[in-house]
Amino acid sequence: MRLMKKERIFTIIVVPHSEDSVFSFRLSLFFFQILCLFLIGSVVLSLIICKNYYNAEKKLIELNEIKLENCRLRDSMDLFAQETEDLKLQLAQMSILSSEIKALAEISSLDQELKGSSLFFEEQELTHNIIAGRGGNPVLDRVHINISMLQQSIPQKKEQLFQIKNDLQEYQRELACTPSIWPTRGKISSPFGLRNSPFTGKKEFHYGLDIAAPSGTPIYAAADGKIIEAKYRRGTGNVIIIDHGYSFKTLYAHLSRFGITQGEIVQKGQVIGYIGSTGLSTGPHLHYEVHVKGVAVNPVDFLY
């Protein structure tokens, strides 16, 4: 019978720095191995816990960054919403301007003409342009780019519309001040130009248009303007002169009576007097003259 192998024993001696007695304890090899395994396991477990903690901290930091990015995106979207509201307001103002321009021009084709000159954006086109992104740009960045372009473009278009509106208003004022309607109802008894004088029978230049009509027939202002003369003259009898601006003046002679006073502002088509035969006249009629830059011109060229 073989002798049993002697068990290996480890003795651990602890020597304190104080005056306490030295003590020791003994460990078997098996228990020492178990203790080492326990220590190694504890170290490994600690490393795993540390790694998991580090990963958790990293994820927490990423989550906070995502939250901050979401806040920035929310702020950007709020700003975007405000900017789009401002753009919608400007588009509404441009639409009002368009309506006013149409009313001024009184032509149904104006809208097409304006579109042809790129003065308007369709609202659908605006929306399409805003959300369309190209390349690798994020949608939000592309939106800001499009809004920036629109913010630069819309004021220019708006300014163009204002200019067109002002031009149309000026054109309408000029039309209103251009002698263009018949000053009375009647028959032309003597045209503009050379004629035989009804008093001397000699050739003379007739600077106006004679329109024969019954006495008392209303006489109308041929255009908007200001009455600069309304009085009796020896040759023309009761005469009215209107300054229309834009280098236009008109004269109405041989009136039976006035319907206005000197200095009054009149509008095209307003009754200013009545047919008569005052002054040098062979019968009731209106002697009507049109002057451009002080020169008498044929009134027929302005009548329609």
Protein backbone atom coordinates (compact mmCIF):
# COMPACT_ATOMS: atom_id res chain seq x y z
CA MET A 1 0.00 0.00 0.00
CA ARG A 2 1.36 3.28 -1.19
CA LEU A 3 1.65 6.15 1.25
CA MET A 4 -0.74 9.06 0.62
CA LYS A 5 0.85 12.12 -0.92
CA LYS A 6 1.43 14.78 1.70
CA GLU A 7 -0.88 17.80 1.30
CA ARG A 8 0.92 21.07 0.44
CA ILE A 9 0.27 23.86 2.95
CA PHE A 10 0.96 27.63 2.67
CA THR A 11 1.59 29.65 5.79
CA ILE A 12 0.93 33.37 5.67
CA ILE A 13 2.52 35.46 8.44
CA VAL A 14 1.23 38.97 9.19
CA VAL A 15 3.65 41.27 11.01
CA PRO A 16 1.96 44.52 12.17
CA HIS A 17 4.00 47.75 12.65
CA SER A 18 2.52 48.17 16.07
CA GLU A 19 3.58 46.20 19.09
CA ASP A 20 0.80 43.74 18.57
CA SER A 21 1.90 40.14 18.35
CA VAL A 22 2.59 38.51 15.04
CA PHE A 23 -0.13 36.23 13.76
CA SER A 24 -0.25 33.73 10.94
CA PHE A 25 -2.67 31.50 9.22
CA ARG A 26 -2.33 28.48 6.98
CA LEU A 27 -3.94 27.83 3.64
CA SER A 28 -4.13 24.65 1.71
CA LEU A 29 -3.13 24.68 -1.97
CA PHE A 30 -6.70 23.99 -3.03
CA PHE A 31 -8.10 26.86 -1.01
CA PHE A 32 -5.30 29.17 -2.27
CA GLN A 33 -6.21 28.28 -5.84
CA ILE A 34 -9.87 29.01 -5.11
CA LEU A 35 -8.88 32.37 -3.61
CA CYS A 36 -6.79 33.26 -6.69
CA LEU A 37 -9.62 32.31 -9.01
CA PHE A 38 -11.97 34.45 -6.95
CA LEU A 39 -9.61 37.43 -7.14
CA ILE A 40 -9.13 37.00 -10.90
CA GLY A 41 -12.91 36.68 -11.37
CA SER A 42 -13.46 39.82 -9.31
CA VAL A 43 -10.97 41.75 -11.47
CA VAL A 44 -12.59 40.51 -14.69
CA LEU A 45 -16.06 41.31 -13.39
CA SER A 46 -14.87 44.77 -12.34
CA LEU A 47 -13.44 45.35 -15.83
CA ILE A 48 -16.74 44.27 -17.40
CA ILE A 49 -18.71 46.55 -15.08
CA CYS A 50 -16.35 49.47 -15.87
CA LYS A 51 -16.68 48.85 -19.58
CA ASN A 52 -20.47 48.72 -19.38
CA TYR A 53 -20.48 51.88 -17.28
CA TYR A 54 -18.25 53.60 -19.85
CA ASN A 55 -20.57 52.51 -22.68
CA ALA A 56 -23.60 53.69 -20.71
CA GLU A 57 -21.94 57.07 -20.10
CA LYS A 58 -21.10 57.32 -23.80
CA LYS A 59 -24.69 56.52 -24.80
CA LEU A 60 -25.96 59.07 -22.28
CA ILE A 61 -23.70 61.73 -23.80
CA GLU A 62 -24.93 60.80 -27.30
CA LEU A 63 -28.52 60.95 -26.08
CA ASN A 64 -27.95 64.42 -24.63
CA GLU A 65 -26.39 65.50 -27.92
CA ILE A 66 -29.42 64.15 -29.77
CA LYS A 67 -31.70 66.10 -27.41
CA LEU A 68 -29.72 69.27 -28.02
CA GLU A 69 -29.86 68.67 -31.79
CA ASN A 70 -33.61 68.13 -31.54
CA CYS A 71 -33.93 71.42 -29.68
CA ARG A 72 -31.89 73.16 -32.37
CA LEU A 73 -34.01 71.55 -35.08
CA ARG A 74 -37.18 72.59 -33.29
CA ASP A 75 -35.92 76.16 -33.05
CA SER A 76 -34.94 76.05 -36.72
CA MET A 77 -38.37 74.76 -37.69
CA ASP A 78 -40.02 77.50 -35.64
CA LEU A 79 -37.86 80.05 -37.43
CA PHE A 80 -38.68 78.41 -40.74
CA ALA A 81 -42.40 78.58 -39.94
CA GLN A 82 -42.11 82.29 -39.13
CA GLU A 83 -40.13 82.95 -42.30
CA THR A 84 -42.67 81.11 -44.44
CA GLU A 85 -45.47 83.13 -42.79
CA ASP A 86 -43.60 86.30 -43.71
CA LEU A 87 -43.23 85.03 -47.28
CA LYS A 88 -46.94 84.23 -47.44
CA LEU A 89 -47.72 87.75 -46.24
CA GLN A 90 -45.49 89.23 -48.92
CA LEU A 91 -47.11 87.01 -51.54
CA ALA A 92 -50.54 88.18 -50.36
CA GLN A 93 -49.39 91.79 -50.71
CA MET A 94 -48.13 91.03 -54.21
CA SER A 95 -51.50 89.45 -55.04
CA ILE A 96 -53.27 92.63 -53.88
CA LEU A 97 -50.87 94.67 -56.01
CA SER A 98 -51.67 92.43 -58.97
CA SER A 99 -55.40 93.03 -58.50
CA GLU A 100 -54.86 96.77 -58.26
CA ILE A 101 -52.74 96.73 -61.41
CA LYS A 102 -55.41 94.76 -63.26
CA ALA A 103 -58.03 97.27 -62.14
CA LEU A 104 -55.83 100.14 -63.28
CA ALA A 105 -55.03 98.62 -66.64
CA GLU A 106 -58.55 97.22 -67.15
CA ILE A 107 -57.23 94.42 -69.35
CA SER A 108 -57.80 90.77 -68.59
CA SER A 109 -54.55 89.71 -70.23
CA LEU A 110 -52.38 91.65 -67.78
CA ASP A 111 -51.95 88.66 -65.50
CA GLN A 112 -50.50 86.58 -68.32
CA GLU A 113 -48.22 89.43 -69.33
CA LEU A 114 -46.93 89.77 -65.79
CA LYS A 115 -46.34 86.04 -65.54
CA GLY A 116 -44.48 86.18 -68.82
CA SER A 117 -42.21 88.85 -67.38
CA SER A 118 -41.48 86.67 -64.29
CA LEU A 119 -43.01 89.14 -61.88
CA PHE A 120 -44.99 86.48 -60.03
CA PHE A 121 -44.37 83.16 -58.33
CA GLU A 122 -47.18 80.65 -58.23
CA GLU A 123 -47.81 79.49 -54.67
CA GLN A 124 -47.50 75.85 -55.79
CA GLU A 125 -44.18 76.58 -57.44
CA LEU A 126 -42.96 78.25 -54.26
CA THR A 127 -43.83 75.20 -52.18
CA HIS A 128 -42.18 72.90 -54.69
CA ASN A 129 -39.02 74.97 -54.73
CA ILE A 130 -38.87 75.11 -50.95
CA ILE A 131 -38.95 71.37 -50.31
CA ALA A 132 -36.86 70.30 -53.30
CA GLY A 133 -33.36 69.35 -52.24
CA ARG A 134 -30.47 68.37 -54.46
CA GLY A 135 -27.14 66.74 -53.78
CA GLY A 136 -26.21 65.74 -50.27
CA ASN A 137 -27.55 68.84 -48.50
CA PRO A 138 -29.93 68.14 -45.61
CA VAL A 139 -33.53 69.14 -46.30
CA LEU A 140 -33.52 71.80 -43.61
CA ASP A 141 -30.37 73.43 -44.96
CA ARG A 142 -31.88 73.38 -48.44
CA VAL A 143 -35.02 75.01 -47.07
CA HIS A 144 -32.99 77.84 -45.58
CA ILE A 145 -31.18 78.31 -48.90
CA ASN A 146 -34.48 78.48 -50.81
CA ILE A 147 -35.98 80.88 -48.29
CA SER A 148 -32.92 83.09 -48.51
CA MET A 149 -33.23 83.18 -52.30
CA LEU A 150 -36.94 84.02 -52.08
CA GLN A 151 -36.33 86.72 -49.49
CA GLN A 152 -33.91 88.36 -51.91
CA SER A 153 -36.13 87.87 -54.96
CA ILE A 154 -39.58 88.82 -53.64
CA PRO A 155 -38.68 92.43 -52.67
CA GLN A 156 -37.30 92.95 -56.18
CA LYS A 157 -40.49 91.62 -57.75
CA LYS A 158 -42.54 93.68 -55.33
CA GLU A 159 -40.60 96.81 -56.27
CA GLN A 160 -41.19 96.05 -59.95
CA LEU A 161 -44.92 95.70 -59.29
CA PHE A 162 -45.00 99.01 -57.43
CA GLN A 163 -43.20 100.63 -60.35
CA ILE A 164 -45.67 99.13 -62.84
CA LYS A 165 -48.54 100.30 -60.66
CA ASN A 166 -47.12 103.83 -60.49
CA ASP A 167 -46.54 103.86 -64.25
CA LEU A 168 -50.11 102.70 -64.87
CA GLN A 169 -51.48 105.31 -62.48
CA GLU A 170 -49.47 107.98 -64.24
CA TYR A 171 -50.65 106.67 -67.61
CA GLN A 172 -54.27 106.77 -66.44
CA ARG A 173 -53.82 110.33 -65.19
CA GLU A 174 -52.38 111.30 -68.55
CA LEU A 175 -55.28 109.61 -70.36
CA ALA A 176 -57.77 111.41 -68.13
CA CYS A 177 -56.03 114.69 -68.93
CA THR A 178 -55.88 114.06 -72.70
CA PRO A 179 -58.77 115.70 -74.63
CA SER A 180 -60.44 112.67 -76.16
CA ILE A 181 -64.24 113.02 -76.05
CA TRP A 182 -66.63 115.13 -78.10
CA PRO A 183 -67.24 118.37 -76.20
CA THR A 184 -70.88 118.48 -77.35
CA ARG A 185 -73.42 116.72 -79.58
CA GLY A 186 -73.87 118.29 -82.97
CA LYS A 187 -72.72 118.54 -86.56
CA ILE A 188 -69.34 119.85 -87.70
CA SER A 189 -70.08 123.08 -89.52
CA SER A 190 -66.48 124.19 -90.05
CA PRO A 191 -63.36 121.98 -89.81
CA PHE A 192 -59.86 122.78 -88.62
CA GLY A 193 -57.61 124.40 -91.25
CA LEU A 194 -57.95 126.84 -94.16
CA ARG A 195 -61.45 128.11 -94.93
CA ASN A 196 -63.31 131.10 -96.31
CA SER A 197 -64.15 133.54 -93.55
CA PRO A 198 -67.95 133.72 -92.96
CA PHE A 199 -67.52 137.45 -92.30
CA THR A 200 -65.04 138.63 -94.98
CA GLY A 201 -65.13 135.76 -97.48
CA LYS A 202 -61.33 135.72 -97.55
CA LYS A 203 -59.11 132.73 -96.91
CA GLU A 204 -58.14 132.33 -93.27
CA PHE A 205 -56.82 129.62 -91.02
CA HIS A 206 -59.46 128.22 -88.70
CA TYR A 207 -57.71 127.10 -85.47
CA GLY A 208 -60.56 125.05 -84.13
CA LEU A 209 -63.59 122.94 -84.88
CA ASP A 210 -67.10 124.43 -85.13
CA ILE A 211 -69.87 122.12 -83.95
CA ALA A 212 -73.40 123.39 -84.69
CA ALA A 213 -76.10 122.52 -82.15
CA PRO A 214 -79.25 124.11 -80.70
CA SER A 215 -78.73 126.87 -78.18
CA GLY A 216 -78.57 125.51 -74.63
CA THR A 217 -77.03 122.16 -75.63
CA PRO A 218 -74.63 121.08 -72.86
CA ILE A 219 -70.89 121.42 -73.40
CA TYR A 220 -68.58 118.89 -71.70
CA ALA A 221 -64.98 119.12 -70.53
CA ALA A 222 -62.89 117.09 -72.99
CA ALA A 223 -60.55 115.98 -70.20
CA ASP A 224 -59.70 116.49 -66.53
CA GLY A 225 -58.19 119.86 -65.76
CA LYS A 226 -58.43 123.28 -64.17
CA ILE A 227 -60.49 126.21 -65.46
CA ILE A 228 -57.95 128.97 -66.04
CA GLU A 229 -60.35 131.31 -67.87
CA ALA A 230 -64.13 131.70 -67.90
CA LYS A 231 -65.12 135.13 -69.17
CA TYR A 232 -66.44 137.14 -72.09
CA ARG A 233 -64.15 138.10 -74.97
CA ARG A 234 -65.13 140.40 -77.82
CA GLY A 235 -64.42 137.91 -80.62
CA THR A 236 -65.11 134.56 -78.99
CA GLY A 237 -67.91 135.70 -76.67
CA ASN A 238 -68.23 133.65 -73.52
CA VAL A 239 -65.14 131.51 -73.53
CA ILE A 240 -63.70 128.79 -71.29
CA ILE A 241 -60.06 127.68 -71.31
CA ILE A 242 -59.04 124.53 -69.44
CA ASP A 243 -55.45 123.64 -68.55
CA HIS A 244 -55.23 119.84 -68.50
CA GLY A 245 -51.55 119.53 -67.74
CA TYR A 246 -49.25 117.33 -69.82
CA SER A 247 -48.98 120.30 -72.25
CA PHE A 248 -52.72 120.14 -73.16
CA LYS A 249 -55.18 123.05 -73.17
CA THR A 250 -58.67 123.28 -74.66
CA LEU A 251 -60.80 126.30 -75.57
CA TYR A 252 -64.63 126.49 -75.77
CA ALA A 253 -66.10 129.64 -77.32
CA HIS A 254 -69.46 131.35 -78.07
CA LEU A 255 -71.17 129.86 -74.99
CA SER A 256 -74.60 131.13 -73.98
CA ARG A 257 -73.71 130.73 -70.30
CA PHE A 258 -71.18 129.11 -67.99
CA GLY A 259 -71.68 126.00 -65.89
CA ILE A 260 -68.48 126.48 -63.88
CA THR A 261 -66.33 129.25 -62.41
CA GLN A 262 -62.71 130.20 -62.99
CA GLY A 263 -60.25 128.21 -60.85
CA GLU A 264 -62.56 125.22 -60.56
CA ILE A 265 -61.22 121.67 -61.06
CA VAL A 266 -63.30 119.70 -63.56
CA GLN A 267 -63.38 116.11 -64.73
CA LYS A 268 -63.68 114.64 -68.20
CA GLY A 269 -67.35 114.65 -69.29
CA GLN A 270 -68.44 117.27 -66.73
CA VAL A 271 -70.85 119.95 -68.00
CA ILE A 272 -68.97 123.25 -68.13
CA GLY A 273 -71.37 125.43 -70.18
CA TYR A 274 -74.03 125.61 -72.87
CA ILE A 275 -74.13 126.24 -76.63
CA GLY A 276 -74.77 129.83 -77.63
CA SER A 277 -73.93 132.46 -80.23
CA THR A 278 -72.08 135.12 -78.26
CA GLY A 279 -69.25 137.16 -79.81
CA LEU A 280 -68.59 137.02 -83.55
CA SER A 281 -70.90 134.16 -84.53
CA THR A 282 -73.29 133.37 -87.36
CA GLY A 283 -75.46 131.09 -85.23
CA PRO A 284 -75.48 128.81 -82.17
CA HIS A 285 -72.44 126.55 -82.22
CA LEU A 286 -69.35 125.63 -80.23
CA HIS A 287 -65.94 126.73 -81.39
CA TYR A 288 -63.58 124.09 -79.92
CA GLU A 289 -59.77 124.25 -79.95
CA VAL A 290 -57.04 121.88 -78.72
CA HIS A 291 -53.55 123.23 -77.97
CA VAL A 292 -50.44 121.09 -77.42
CA LYS A 293 -47.45 122.98 -76.01
CA GLY A 294 -49.16 126.22 -77.00
CA VAL A 295 -49.77 125.20 -80.63
CA ALA A 296 -53.31 124.67 -82.00
CA VAL A 297 -53.78 121.18 -83.46
CA ASN A 298 -56.67 119.47 -85.22
CA PRO A 299 -59.17 118.41 -82.49
CA VAL A 300 -60.42 115.55 -84.68
CA ASP A 301 -57.11 113.75 -84.11
CA PHE A 302 -58.04 113.39 -80.41
CA LEU A 303 -61.74 112.51 -80.75
CA TYR A 304 -63.15 108.98 -80.62
